[in-house]
Amino acid sequence: MNQSKNSRKKWLWLGGGLLAVLLLAAVILWPRAAGLQAQDENGDAETAVAFTGDLSASATAAGQVVAQQSAALALNRAGRVAAVHVAAGDAVQAGDVLLQLETAALERAVLSAQQGVAIQEASLATLLAPPSAADVAAAEAGLASAEAGLARLMAGPTAAEIASAEAGVRAAQADLNAAYARLNSATPDASAADQQTDVWTVRKVGLGLLMSIKGD
């Protein structure tokens, strides 16, 4: 009877141990089986080789660097760029020269304007300066000559000047009479046009002589 009880206990212990081993195996193998099933459902399975060492991770990404502050700059005049003093990425401060235009034409214009100012300043200085002794003497001489001419004009011609003018008039009249005489003694076969031309020439000469005498 005791032997039967001992045999029963032995089988109970064996059954309990076997059940515990089965449960432990199920707990260990179930996650792996579930992972293999998920890989089969996804289609692709990856195999990795386990190793001992330090782990490292890296990532690659593409992007664009954008400045925190930006400004659009423009020149106040058109021209050809002579020099660029900065490059992309340089830090600049207010007042820094970024680029420079060619200034040869502007420099020539400034020089011409400076010369014009100098000429005008010299003219102004000459105008404001007091007259020299030579200028005063020349002005006085001119005034004296003008006064003498005015006095002669106001006094009228002298007797000698009148006699000389009358003699000139008489001489001119004599020349005119001689010219008419030569015209009248011309050949009778001369054409009327030639005679009219000679008359006009004589009259023109006589008029010129009279005007010359009156002018004297």
N, C-alpha and C. Protein backbone atom coordinates (compact mmCIF):
# COMPACT_ATOMS: atom_id res chain seq x y z
N MET A 1 0.82 -1.21 0.00
CA MET A 1 0.00 0.00 0.00
C MET A 1 0.84 1.24 0.00
N ASN A 2 1.86 1.20 0.85
CA ASN A 2 2.79 2.34 0.89
C ASN A 2 3.55 2.45 -0.41
N GLN A 3 3.86 1.28 -0.97
CA GLN A 3 4.58 1.30 -2.25
C GLN A 3 3.74 1.93 -3.34
N SER A 4 2.45 1.72 -3.33
CA SER A 4 1.56 2.31 -4.34
C SER A 4 1.50 3.82 -4.21
N LYS A 5 1.47 4.30 -2.96
CA LYS A 5 1.44 5.75 -2.75
C LYS A 5 2.73 6.39 -3.21
N ASN A 6 3.83 5.73 -2.95
CA ASN A 6 5.12 6.31 -3.37
C ASN A 6 5.23 6.36 -4.89
N SER A 7 4.72 5.35 -5.55
CA SER A 7 4.77 5.34 -7.01
C SER A 7 3.91 6.46 -7.60
N ARG A 8 2.74 6.65 -6.94
CA ARG A 8 1.87 7.73 -7.43
C ARG A 8 2.53 9.09 -7.27
N LYS A 9 3.18 9.36 -6.15
CA LYS A 9 3.85 10.64 -5.93
C LYS A 9 4.98 10.84 -6.94
N LYS A 10 5.66 9.73 -7.25
CA LYS A 10 6.75 9.82 -8.21
C LYS A 10 6.24 10.27 -9.57
N TRP A 11 5.13 9.71 -10.00
CA TRP A 11 4.59 10.10 -11.30
C TRP A 11 4.05 11.53 -11.28
N LEU A 12 3.51 11.92 -10.15
CA LEU A 12 3.04 13.31 -10.06
C LEU A 12 4.20 14.29 -10.20
N TRP A 13 5.30 13.96 -9.51
CA TRP A 13 6.47 14.85 -9.63
C TRP A 13 7.01 14.85 -11.05
N LEU A 14 7.06 13.72 -11.69
CA LEU A 14 7.55 13.68 -13.06
C LEU A 14 6.63 14.46 -14.00
N GLY A 15 5.31 14.28 -13.81
CA GLY A 15 4.37 15.02 -14.66
C GLY A 15 4.45 16.53 -14.44
N GLY A 16 4.59 16.92 -13.14
CA GLY A 16 4.69 18.36 -12.87
C GLY A 16 5.97 18.95 -13.45
N GLY A 17 7.10 18.19 -13.35
CA GLY A 17 8.36 18.71 -13.92
C GLY A 17 8.29 18.84 -15.43
N LEU A 18 7.66 17.82 -16.08
CA LEU A 18 7.55 17.88 -17.53
C LEU A 18 6.68 19.06 -17.97
N LEU A 19 5.59 19.28 -17.22
CA LEU A 19 4.72 20.41 -17.54
C LEU A 19 5.45 21.74 -17.37
N ALA A 20 6.27 21.83 -16.33
CA ALA A 20 7.03 23.08 -16.11
C ALA A 20 8.02 23.31 -17.25
N VAL A 21 8.69 22.22 -17.71
CA VAL A 21 9.65 22.37 -18.82
C VAL A 21 8.94 22.82 -20.09
N LEU A 22 7.75 22.25 -20.34
CA LEU A 22 7.00 22.64 -21.53
C LEU A 22 6.58 24.11 -21.48
N LEU A 23 6.12 24.53 -20.30
CA LEU A 23 5.72 25.93 -20.15
C LEU A 23 6.91 26.87 -20.36
N LEU A 24 8.08 26.50 -19.80
CA LEU A 24 9.27 27.34 -19.96
C LEU A 24 9.70 27.41 -21.42
N ALA A 25 9.63 26.28 -22.10
CA ALA A 25 9.99 26.29 -23.53
C ALA A 25 9.03 27.15 -24.34
N ALA A 26 7.74 27.08 -23.98
CA ALA A 26 6.76 27.90 -24.70
C ALA A 26 7.02 29.38 -24.49
N VAL A 27 7.37 29.74 -23.24
CA VAL A 27 7.64 31.15 -22.96
C VAL A 27 8.86 31.64 -23.73
N ILE A 28 9.89 30.80 -23.85
CA ILE A 28 11.13 31.20 -24.53
C ILE A 28 10.94 31.22 -26.05
N LEU A 29 10.28 30.23 -26.60
CA LEU A 29 10.20 30.09 -28.06
C LEU A 29 9.05 30.89 -28.68
N TRP A 30 8.07 31.29 -27.91
CA TRP A 30 6.91 31.98 -28.49
C TRP A 30 7.27 33.33 -29.11
N PRO A 31 8.03 34.22 -28.46
CA PRO A 31 8.38 35.50 -29.12
C PRO A 31 9.15 35.31 -30.41
N ARG A 32 10.08 34.34 -30.42
CA ARG A 32 10.86 34.12 -31.64
C ARG A 32 9.97 33.63 -32.77
N ALA A 33 9.04 32.76 -32.44
CA ALA A 33 8.13 32.26 -33.46
C ALA A 33 7.24 33.38 -33.98
N ALA A 34 6.81 34.26 -33.07
CA ALA A 34 5.98 35.39 -33.51
C ALA A 34 6.77 36.32 -34.42
N GLY A 35 8.08 36.56 -34.11
CA GLY A 35 8.91 37.42 -34.96
C GLY A 35 9.13 36.82 -36.33
N LEU A 36 9.38 35.52 -36.39
CA LEU A 36 9.56 34.87 -37.69
C LEU A 36 8.29 34.92 -38.51
N GLN A 37 7.14 34.79 -37.83
CA GLN A 37 5.88 34.87 -38.56
C GLN A 37 5.67 36.27 -39.14
N ALA A 38 6.03 37.32 -38.36
CA ALA A 38 5.88 38.70 -38.86
C ALA A 38 6.80 38.95 -40.05
N GLN A 39 8.03 38.41 -40.01
CA GLN A 39 8.95 38.58 -41.14
C GLN A 39 8.42 37.88 -42.38
N ASP A 40 7.82 36.71 -42.16
CA ASP A 40 7.25 36.01 -43.31
C ASP A 40 6.10 36.79 -43.91
N GLU A 41 5.29 37.43 -43.04
CA GLU A 41 4.19 38.23 -43.56
C GLU A 41 4.70 39.44 -44.32
N ASN A 42 5.78 40.07 -43.87
CA ASN A 42 6.33 41.24 -44.56
C ASN A 42 7.00 40.87 -45.86
N GLY A 43 7.43 39.70 -46.00
CA GLY A 43 7.99 39.26 -47.27
C GLY A 43 9.50 39.15 -47.26
N ASP A 44 10.24 40.10 -46.67
CA ASP A 44 11.70 40.10 -46.68
C ASP A 44 12.19 39.81 -45.28
N ALA A 45 13.18 39.01 -45.19
CA ALA A 45 13.80 38.68 -43.90
C ALA A 45 15.24 39.10 -43.93
N GLU A 46 15.70 39.74 -42.88
CA GLU A 46 17.08 40.20 -42.78
C GLU A 46 17.81 39.36 -41.75
N THR A 47 19.03 39.06 -42.09
CA THR A 47 19.87 38.28 -41.19
C THR A 47 21.05 39.11 -40.77
N ALA A 48 21.31 39.21 -39.48
CA ALA A 48 22.42 40.00 -38.95
C ALA A 48 23.34 39.10 -38.17
N VAL A 49 24.62 39.44 -38.24
CA VAL A 49 25.64 38.68 -37.52
C VAL A 49 25.93 39.40 -36.22
N ALA A 50 25.77 38.75 -35.13
CA ALA A 50 26.04 39.35 -33.82
C ALA A 50 27.54 39.43 -33.59
N PHE A 51 27.97 40.54 -32.97
CA PHE A 51 29.38 40.70 -32.65
C PHE A 51 29.48 41.48 -31.36
N THR A 52 30.65 41.48 -30.80
CA THR A 52 30.93 42.18 -29.55
C THR A 52 31.79 43.39 -29.85
N GLY A 53 31.37 44.59 -29.44
CA GLY A 53 32.14 45.81 -29.70
C GLY A 53 31.30 47.05 -29.44
N ASP A 54 31.90 48.21 -29.75
CA ASP A 54 31.19 49.48 -29.57
C ASP A 54 30.24 49.71 -30.74
N LEU A 55 29.07 50.19 -30.43
CA LEU A 55 28.08 50.50 -31.45
C LEU A 55 28.17 51.97 -31.85
N SER A 56 28.01 52.29 -33.13
CA SER A 56 28.02 53.66 -33.62
C SER A 56 26.89 53.83 -34.62
N ALA A 57 26.39 55.07 -34.72
CA ALA A 57 25.29 55.36 -35.64
C ALA A 57 25.62 56.63 -36.42
N SER A 58 25.24 56.71 -37.66
CA SER A 58 25.47 57.89 -38.51
C SER A 58 24.24 58.14 -39.35
N ALA A 59 24.09 59.41 -39.75
CA ALA A 59 22.95 59.79 -40.59
C ALA A 59 23.41 60.83 -41.60
N THR A 60 22.88 60.81 -42.77
CA THR A 60 23.19 61.76 -43.85
C THR A 60 21.91 62.48 -44.26
N ALA A 61 22.02 63.80 -44.37
CA ALA A 61 20.85 64.60 -44.74
C ALA A 61 21.29 65.73 -45.67
N ALA A 62 20.41 66.22 -46.53
CA ALA A 62 20.65 67.33 -47.45
C ALA A 62 19.86 68.54 -46.98
N GLY A 63 20.47 69.71 -47.11
CA GLY A 63 19.80 70.93 -46.67
C GLY A 63 20.45 72.16 -47.29
N GLN A 64 19.99 73.32 -46.92
CA GLN A 64 20.48 74.61 -47.43
C GLN A 64 20.67 75.56 -46.26
N VAL A 65 21.84 76.19 -46.24
CA VAL A 65 22.14 77.15 -45.18
C VAL A 65 21.55 78.51 -45.57
N VAL A 66 20.76 79.08 -44.71
CA VAL A 66 20.11 80.37 -44.94
C VAL A 66 20.54 81.33 -43.85
N ALA A 67 20.95 82.54 -44.28
CA ALA A 67 21.38 83.54 -43.30
C ALA A 67 20.20 84.01 -42.46
N GLN A 68 20.50 84.35 -41.21
CA GLN A 68 19.45 84.86 -40.34
C GLN A 68 18.96 86.23 -40.81
N GLN A 69 19.87 87.03 -41.37
CA GLN A 69 19.51 88.35 -41.89
C GLN A 69 19.98 88.46 -43.33
N SER A 70 19.18 89.07 -44.16
CA SER A 70 19.55 89.29 -45.56
C SER A 70 19.00 90.64 -46.00
N ALA A 71 19.64 91.20 -47.01
CA ALA A 71 19.22 92.51 -47.52
C ALA A 71 19.52 92.58 -49.01
N ALA A 72 18.65 93.22 -49.76
CA ALA A 72 18.85 93.44 -51.20
C ALA A 72 19.49 94.81 -51.39
N LEU A 73 20.67 94.85 -52.00
CA LEU A 73 21.42 96.09 -52.17
C LEU A 73 21.40 96.50 -53.63
N ALA A 74 21.45 97.81 -53.87
CA ALA A 74 21.48 98.36 -55.23
C ALA A 74 22.31 99.63 -55.23
N LEU A 75 23.02 99.89 -56.33
CA LEU A 75 23.81 101.10 -56.48
C LEU A 75 22.92 102.24 -56.95
N ASN A 76 23.31 103.46 -56.60
CA ASN A 76 22.51 104.63 -56.98
C ASN A 76 22.86 105.15 -58.37
N ARG A 77 23.80 104.54 -59.07
CA ARG A 77 24.14 104.92 -60.43
C ARG A 77 24.65 103.70 -61.18
N ALA A 78 24.51 103.74 -62.49
CA ALA A 78 25.01 102.65 -63.33
C ALA A 78 26.50 102.85 -63.60
N GLY A 79 27.20 101.75 -63.81
CA GLY A 79 28.63 101.85 -64.08
C GLY A 79 29.25 100.47 -64.18
N ARG A 80 30.56 100.46 -64.44
CA ARG A 80 31.32 99.21 -64.54
C ARG A 80 32.02 98.95 -63.22
N VAL A 81 31.89 97.71 -62.72
CA VAL A 81 32.48 97.35 -61.43
C VAL A 81 33.99 97.22 -61.60
N ALA A 82 34.73 97.92 -60.74
CA ALA A 82 36.19 97.87 -60.78
C ALA A 82 36.75 96.84 -59.80
N ALA A 83 36.12 96.66 -58.64
CA ALA A 83 36.64 95.73 -57.63
C ALA A 83 35.50 95.31 -56.72
N VAL A 84 35.55 94.03 -56.26
CA VAL A 84 34.62 93.48 -55.28
C VAL A 84 35.42 93.14 -54.04
N HIS A 85 35.06 93.72 -52.90
CA HIS A 85 35.86 93.61 -51.68
C HIS A 85 35.37 92.54 -50.72
N VAL A 86 34.28 91.84 -51.00
CA VAL A 86 33.78 90.79 -50.12
C VAL A 86 33.44 89.57 -50.95
N ALA A 87 33.31 88.44 -50.25
CA ALA A 87 32.94 87.19 -50.90
C ALA A 87 31.74 86.60 -50.17
N ALA A 88 31.14 85.58 -50.75
CA ALA A 88 29.97 84.94 -50.15
C ALA A 88 30.35 84.35 -48.80
N GLY A 89 29.55 84.66 -47.79
CA GLY A 89 29.80 84.15 -46.45
C GLY A 89 30.59 85.07 -45.56
N ASP A 90 31.15 86.16 -46.10
CA ASP A 90 31.91 87.11 -45.27
C ASP A 90 30.96 87.89 -44.37
N ALA A 91 31.44 88.17 -43.16
CA ALA A 91 30.70 89.02 -42.23
C ALA A 91 31.07 90.47 -42.49
N VAL A 92 30.09 91.34 -42.59
CA VAL A 92 30.32 92.75 -42.88
C VAL A 92 29.65 93.59 -41.82
N GLN A 93 30.12 94.81 -41.70
CA GLN A 93 29.56 95.77 -40.76
C GLN A 93 29.02 96.96 -41.54
N ALA A 94 28.23 97.77 -40.87
CA ALA A 94 27.70 98.98 -41.49
C ALA A 94 28.85 99.90 -41.87
N GLY A 95 28.85 100.37 -43.11
CA GLY A 95 29.90 101.25 -43.59
C GLY A 95 31.01 100.55 -44.35
N ASP A 96 31.04 99.22 -44.35
CA ASP A 96 32.07 98.50 -45.11
C ASP A 96 31.83 98.67 -46.61
N VAL A 97 32.91 98.78 -47.37
CA VAL A 97 32.83 98.91 -48.83
C VAL A 97 32.68 97.51 -49.42
N LEU A 98 31.59 97.27 -50.10
CA LEU A 98 31.33 95.96 -50.69
C LEU A 98 31.92 95.86 -52.10
N LEU A 99 31.70 96.86 -52.91
CA LEU A 99 32.28 96.87 -54.26
C LEU A 99 32.52 98.32 -54.67
N GLN A 100 33.32 98.48 -55.71
CA GLN A 100 33.73 99.82 -56.16
C GLN A 100 33.58 99.90 -57.68
N LEU A 101 32.98 101.00 -58.14
CA LEU A 101 32.83 101.23 -59.58
C LEU A 101 34.04 101.98 -60.13
N GLU A 102 34.21 101.92 -61.45
CA GLU A 102 35.26 102.70 -62.09
C GLU A 102 34.90 104.19 -62.00
N THR A 103 35.85 105.00 -61.56
CA THR A 103 35.57 106.42 -61.29
C THR A 103 36.42 107.35 -62.14
N ALA A 104 37.04 106.86 -63.21
CA ALA A 104 37.91 107.72 -64.02
C ALA A 104 37.12 108.88 -64.63
N ALA A 105 35.96 108.58 -65.22
CA ALA A 105 35.16 109.65 -65.84
C ALA A 105 34.66 110.64 -64.79
N LEU A 106 34.26 110.14 -63.62
CA LEU A 106 33.79 111.03 -62.56
C LEU A 106 34.92 111.91 -62.04
N GLU A 107 36.11 111.35 -61.94
CA GLU A 107 37.25 112.14 -61.47
C GLU A 107 37.60 113.25 -62.46
N ARG A 108 37.49 112.96 -63.77
CA ARG A 108 37.73 114.01 -64.77
C ARG A 108 36.68 115.11 -64.66
N ALA A 109 35.43 114.72 -64.43
CA ALA A 109 34.38 115.73 -64.29
C ALA A 109 34.63 116.61 -63.06
N VAL A 110 35.07 116.00 -61.97
CA VAL A 110 35.37 116.77 -60.76
C VAL A 110 36.53 117.73 -61.00
N LEU A 111 37.57 117.26 -61.70
CA LEU A 111 38.71 118.12 -62.00
C LEU A 111 38.30 119.31 -62.87
N SER A 112 37.46 119.04 -63.88
CA SER A 112 36.99 120.14 -64.74
C SER A 112 36.18 121.15 -63.94
N ALA A 113 35.32 120.66 -63.04
CA ALA A 113 34.54 121.58 -62.22
C ALA A 113 35.43 122.40 -61.29
N GLN A 114 36.46 121.79 -60.75
CA GLN A 114 37.39 122.52 -59.89
C GLN A 114 38.12 123.61 -60.66
N GLN A 115 38.51 123.32 -61.90
CA GLN A 115 39.17 124.33 -62.72
C GLN A 115 38.21 125.49 -63.02
N GLY A 116 36.94 125.17 -63.31
CA GLY A 116 35.97 126.23 -63.54
C GLY A 116 35.79 127.12 -62.32
N VAL A 117 35.75 126.51 -61.14
CA VAL A 117 35.63 127.30 -59.91
C VAL A 117 36.84 128.20 -59.72
N ALA A 118 38.04 127.66 -60.00
CA ALA A 118 39.25 128.46 -59.85
C ALA A 118 39.25 129.67 -60.80
N ILE A 119 38.80 129.47 -62.04
CA ILE A 119 38.75 130.58 -63.00
C ILE A 119 37.76 131.65 -62.54
N GLN A 120 36.60 131.23 -62.06
CA GLN A 120 35.61 132.20 -61.60
C GLN A 120 36.10 132.95 -60.36
N GLU A 121 36.79 132.25 -59.48
CA GLU A 121 37.33 132.92 -58.30
C GLU A 121 38.40 133.95 -58.69
N ALA A 122 39.23 133.61 -59.69
CA ALA A 122 40.24 134.57 -60.15
C ALA A 122 39.58 135.79 -60.78
N SER A 123 38.53 135.58 -61.56
CA SER A 123 37.82 136.72 -62.17
C SER A 123 37.19 137.60 -61.10
N LEU A 124 36.62 136.98 -60.07
CA LEU A 124 36.02 137.76 -58.99
C LEU A 124 37.08 138.56 -58.23
N ALA A 125 38.24 137.93 -58.00
CA ALA A 125 39.32 138.65 -57.30
C ALA A 125 39.81 139.83 -58.12
N THR A 126 39.92 139.66 -59.44
CA THR A 126 40.34 140.77 -60.30
C THR A 126 39.31 141.90 -60.28
N LEU A 127 38.03 141.53 -60.27
CA LEU A 127 36.98 142.54 -60.25
C LEU A 127 36.97 143.32 -58.94
N LEU A 128 37.21 142.64 -57.84
CA LEU A 128 37.17 143.29 -56.53
C LEU A 128 38.46 144.03 -56.19
N ALA A 129 39.55 143.73 -56.90
CA ALA A 129 40.83 144.37 -56.59
C ALA A 129 40.80 145.84 -57.02
N PRO A 130 41.47 146.74 -56.32
CA PRO A 130 41.52 148.16 -56.72
C PRO A 130 42.31 148.32 -58.01
N PRO A 131 41.99 149.35 -58.85
CA PRO A 131 42.70 149.53 -60.12
C PRO A 131 44.16 149.91 -59.88
N SER A 132 45.02 149.49 -60.81
CA SER A 132 46.44 149.82 -60.72
C SER A 132 46.68 151.23 -61.26
N ALA A 133 47.88 151.74 -61.04
CA ALA A 133 48.24 153.07 -61.53
C ALA A 133 48.20 153.13 -63.05
N ALA A 134 48.64 152.07 -63.71
CA ALA A 134 48.62 152.04 -65.18
C ALA A 134 47.19 152.08 -65.71
N ASP A 135 46.28 151.34 -65.06
CA ASP A 135 44.89 151.36 -65.50
C ASP A 135 44.28 152.75 -65.33
N VAL A 136 44.60 153.41 -64.22
CA VAL A 136 44.08 154.75 -63.99
C VAL A 136 44.61 155.73 -65.03
N ALA A 137 45.90 155.64 -65.36
CA ALA A 137 46.50 156.54 -66.35
C ALA A 137 45.89 156.33 -67.72
N ALA A 138 45.68 155.06 -68.11
CA ALA A 138 45.08 154.77 -69.41
C ALA A 138 43.66 155.31 -69.48
N ALA A 139 42.89 155.16 -68.40
CA ALA A 139 41.52 155.67 -68.39
C ALA A 139 41.50 157.19 -68.48
N GLU A 140 42.42 157.84 -67.79
CA GLU A 140 42.48 159.30 -67.84
C GLU A 140 42.85 159.79 -69.23
N ALA A 141 43.79 159.09 -69.90
CA ALA A 141 44.17 159.48 -71.26
C ALA A 141 43.01 159.31 -72.22
N GLY A 142 42.27 158.23 -72.08
CA GLY A 142 41.11 158.04 -72.94
C GLY A 142 40.05 159.09 -72.71
N LEU A 143 39.85 159.48 -71.44
CA LEU A 143 38.88 160.52 -71.14
C LEU A 143 39.30 161.87 -71.74
N ALA A 144 40.58 162.17 -71.66
CA ALA A 144 41.07 163.44 -72.22
C ALA A 144 40.89 163.47 -73.73
N SER A 145 41.17 162.38 -74.41
CA SER A 145 41.01 162.32 -75.86
C SER A 145 39.54 162.49 -76.25
N ALA A 146 38.65 161.84 -75.50
CA ALA A 146 37.23 161.96 -75.80
C ALA A 146 36.73 163.38 -75.57
N GLU A 147 37.21 164.01 -74.51
CA GLU A 147 36.81 165.40 -74.25
C GLU A 147 37.30 166.34 -75.35
N ALA A 148 38.53 166.12 -75.85
CA ALA A 148 39.06 166.96 -76.93
C ALA A 148 38.24 166.79 -78.21
N GLY A 149 37.88 165.55 -78.54
CA GLY A 149 37.06 165.32 -79.71
C GLY A 149 35.70 165.98 -79.59
N LEU A 150 35.11 165.91 -78.38
CA LEU A 150 33.82 166.56 -78.17
C LEU A 150 33.93 168.08 -78.31
N ALA A 151 35.01 168.64 -77.83
CA ALA A 151 35.21 170.09 -77.94
C ALA A 151 35.34 170.51 -79.40
N ARG A 152 36.07 169.74 -80.19
CA ARG A 152 36.22 170.07 -81.62
C ARG A 152 34.88 169.99 -82.33
N LEU A 153 34.09 169.01 -81.99
CA LEU A 153 32.79 168.86 -82.62
C LEU A 153 31.86 170.02 -82.26
N MET A 154 31.88 170.41 -81.01
CA MET A 154 31.02 171.51 -80.57
C MET A 154 31.49 172.86 -81.13
N ALA A 155 32.78 173.04 -81.34
CA ALA A 155 33.32 174.32 -81.84
C ALA A 155 33.01 174.52 -83.32
N GLY A 156 32.82 173.48 -84.08
CA GLY A 156 32.53 173.60 -85.49
C GLY A 156 33.82 173.68 -86.30
N PRO A 157 33.72 173.66 -87.67
CA PRO A 157 34.92 173.67 -88.51
C PRO A 157 35.58 175.06 -88.51
N THR A 158 36.89 175.05 -88.73
CA THR A 158 37.64 176.31 -88.83
C THR A 158 37.55 176.85 -90.25
N ALA A 159 38.01 178.07 -90.45
CA ALA A 159 38.00 178.69 -91.79
C ALA A 159 38.86 177.91 -92.76
N ALA A 160 39.99 177.41 -92.30
CA ALA A 160 40.88 176.65 -93.18
C ALA A 160 40.21 175.36 -93.62
N GLU A 161 39.50 174.68 -92.69
CA GLU A 161 38.83 173.44 -93.03
C GLU A 161 37.71 173.70 -94.05
N ILE A 162 36.98 174.81 -93.89
CA ILE A 162 35.92 175.14 -94.85
C ILE A 162 36.50 175.43 -96.23
N ALA A 163 37.61 176.19 -96.28
CA ALA A 163 38.23 176.51 -97.57
C ALA A 163 38.74 175.27 -98.26
N SER A 164 39.31 174.34 -97.50
CA SER A 164 39.82 173.10 -98.09
C SER A 164 38.68 172.28 -98.66
N ALA A 165 37.55 172.23 -97.94
CA ALA A 165 36.41 171.47 -98.43
C ALA A 165 35.83 172.08 -99.68
N GLU A 166 35.74 173.42 -99.73
CA GLU A 166 35.21 174.08 -100.93
C GLU A 166 36.10 173.83 -102.14
N ALA A 167 37.41 173.83 -101.93
CA ALA A 167 38.33 173.55 -103.04
C ALA A 167 38.14 172.14 -103.54
N GLY A 168 37.91 171.22 -102.64
CA GLY A 168 37.68 169.84 -103.05
C GLY A 168 36.41 169.72 -103.86
N VAL A 169 35.35 170.44 -103.46
CA VAL A 169 34.09 170.39 -104.21
C VAL A 169 34.28 170.93 -105.61
N ARG A 170 35.01 172.05 -105.73
CA ARG A 170 35.24 172.62 -107.06
C ARG A 170 36.05 171.67 -107.94
N ALA A 171 37.02 171.02 -107.37
CA ALA A 171 37.82 170.07 -108.16
C ALA A 171 36.96 168.91 -108.62
N ALA A 172 36.10 168.43 -107.76
CA ALA A 172 35.24 167.32 -108.14
C ALA A 172 34.26 167.74 -109.21
N GLN A 173 33.75 168.96 -109.13
CA GLN A 173 32.83 169.44 -110.15
C GLN A 173 33.52 169.55 -111.50
N ALA A 174 34.78 169.98 -111.47
CA ALA A 174 35.54 170.08 -112.71
C ALA A 174 35.75 168.71 -113.32
N ASP A 175 36.06 167.74 -112.51
CA ASP A 175 36.23 166.37 -113.02
C ASP A 175 34.93 165.85 -113.60
N LEU A 176 33.82 166.17 -112.98
CA LEU A 176 32.53 165.72 -113.48
C LEU A 176 32.21 166.37 -114.83
N ASN A 177 32.50 167.66 -114.98
CA ASN A 177 32.26 168.33 -116.25
C ASN A 177 33.13 167.75 -117.35
N ALA A 178 34.35 167.43 -117.01
CA ALA A 178 35.25 166.83 -118.01
C ALA A 178 34.74 165.48 -118.45
N ALA A 179 34.19 164.73 -117.53
CA ALA A 179 33.66 163.41 -117.88
C ALA A 179 32.46 163.55 -118.80
N TYR A 180 31.60 164.51 -118.54
CA TYR A 180 30.47 164.73 -119.44
C TYR A 180 30.94 165.14 -120.83
N ALA A 181 31.97 165.94 -120.90
CA ALA A 181 32.50 166.39 -122.19
C ALA A 181 33.04 165.21 -122.98
N ARG A 182 33.76 164.35 -122.31
CA ARG A 182 34.29 163.16 -123.01
C ARG A 182 33.15 162.28 -123.49
N LEU A 183 32.09 162.22 -122.72
CA LEU A 183 30.95 161.40 -123.14
C LEU A 183 30.29 161.98 -124.39
N ASN A 184 30.16 163.29 -124.44
CA ASN A 184 29.51 163.92 -125.59
C ASN A 184 30.35 163.82 -126.85
N SER A 185 31.64 163.74 -126.69
CA SER A 185 32.53 163.65 -127.86
C SER A 185 32.79 162.22 -128.29
N ALA A 186 32.04 161.31 -127.75
CA ALA A 186 32.24 159.90 -128.13
C ALA A 186 31.81 159.70 -129.57
N THR A 187 32.23 158.64 -130.23
CA THR A 187 31.90 158.34 -131.63
C THR A 187 30.40 158.18 -131.77
N PRO A 188 29.83 158.68 -132.90
CA PRO A 188 28.37 158.62 -133.06
C PRO A 188 27.86 157.21 -133.27
N ASP A 189 28.69 156.25 -133.67
CA ASP A 189 28.19 154.90 -133.90
C ASP A 189 28.19 154.04 -132.63
N ALA A 190 28.47 154.62 -131.48
CA ALA A 190 28.44 153.83 -130.23
C ALA A 190 27.00 153.46 -129.92
N SER A 191 26.80 152.33 -129.42
CA SER A 191 25.44 151.86 -129.13
C SER A 191 24.84 152.62 -127.96
N ALA A 192 23.51 152.66 -127.91
CA ALA A 192 22.82 153.37 -126.82
C ALA A 192 23.11 152.72 -125.47
N ALA A 193 23.26 151.41 -125.46
CA ALA A 193 23.55 150.72 -124.19
C ALA A 193 24.90 151.13 -123.65
N ASP A 194 25.91 151.26 -124.58
CA ASP A 194 27.24 151.66 -124.13
C ASP A 194 27.21 153.08 -123.59
N GLN A 195 26.46 153.97 -124.26
CA GLN A 195 26.38 155.34 -123.79
C GLN A 195 25.71 155.42 -122.42
N GLN A 196 24.64 154.66 -122.23
CA GLN A 196 23.98 154.67 -120.92
C GLN A 196 24.91 154.15 -119.83
N THR A 197 25.70 153.14 -120.16
CA THR A 197 26.67 152.61 -119.19
C THR A 197 27.69 153.66 -118.83
N ASP A 198 28.19 154.40 -119.87
CA ASP A 198 29.18 155.44 -119.59
C ASP A 198 28.58 156.55 -118.74
N VAL A 199 27.32 156.90 -119.02
CA VAL A 199 26.68 157.95 -118.23
C VAL A 199 26.55 157.52 -116.78
N TRP A 200 26.13 156.27 -116.58
CA TRP A 200 25.99 155.77 -115.20
C TRP A 200 27.33 155.74 -114.48
N THR A 201 28.38 155.36 -115.20
CA THR A 201 29.72 155.32 -114.60
C THR A 201 30.17 156.71 -114.21
N VAL A 202 29.94 157.68 -115.11
CA VAL A 202 30.34 159.05 -114.81
C VAL A 202 29.58 159.57 -113.60
N ARG A 203 28.27 159.34 -113.57
CA ARG A 203 27.47 159.81 -112.45
C ARG A 203 27.90 159.15 -111.14
N LYS A 204 28.22 157.87 -111.20
CA LYS A 204 28.66 157.16 -110.01
C LYS A 204 29.97 157.72 -109.50
N VAL A 205 30.90 158.01 -110.43
CA VAL A 205 32.19 158.58 -110.04
C VAL A 205 32.00 159.95 -109.43
N GLY A 206 31.14 160.75 -110.07
CA GLY A 206 30.90 162.09 -109.54
C GLY A 206 30.25 162.05 -108.17
N LEU A 207 29.28 161.16 -107.98
CA LEU A 207 28.62 161.04 -106.68
C LEU A 207 29.59 160.59 -105.60
N GLY A 208 30.49 159.67 -105.98
CA GLY A 208 31.49 159.22 -105.00
C GLY A 208 32.42 160.35 -104.61
N LEU A 209 32.81 161.18 -105.55
CA LEU A 209 33.70 162.30 -105.23
C LEU A 209 33.01 163.29 -104.32
N LEU A 210 31.73 163.58 -104.62
CA LEU A 210 31.00 164.53 -103.78
C LEU A 210 30.84 164.00 -102.36
N MET A 211 30.54 162.72 -102.22
CA MET A 211 30.38 162.14 -100.88
C MET A 211 31.70 162.16 -100.13
N SER A 212 32.79 161.90 -100.85
CA SER A 212 34.11 161.93 -100.20
C SER A 212 34.43 163.33 -99.71
N ILE A 213 34.10 164.33 -100.51
CA ILE A 213 34.38 165.72 -100.11
C ILE A 213 33.54 166.11 -98.91
N LYS A 214 32.24 165.74 -98.91
CA LYS A 214 31.39 166.06 -97.77
C LYS A 214 31.86 165.35 -96.51
N GLY A 215 32.35 164.13 -96.67
CA GLY A 215 32.86 163.42 -95.50
C GLY A 215 34.09 164.08 -94.94
N ASP A 216 34.97 164.56 -95.78
CA ASP A 216 36.16 165.26 -95.28
C ASP A 216 35.77 166.54 -94.56
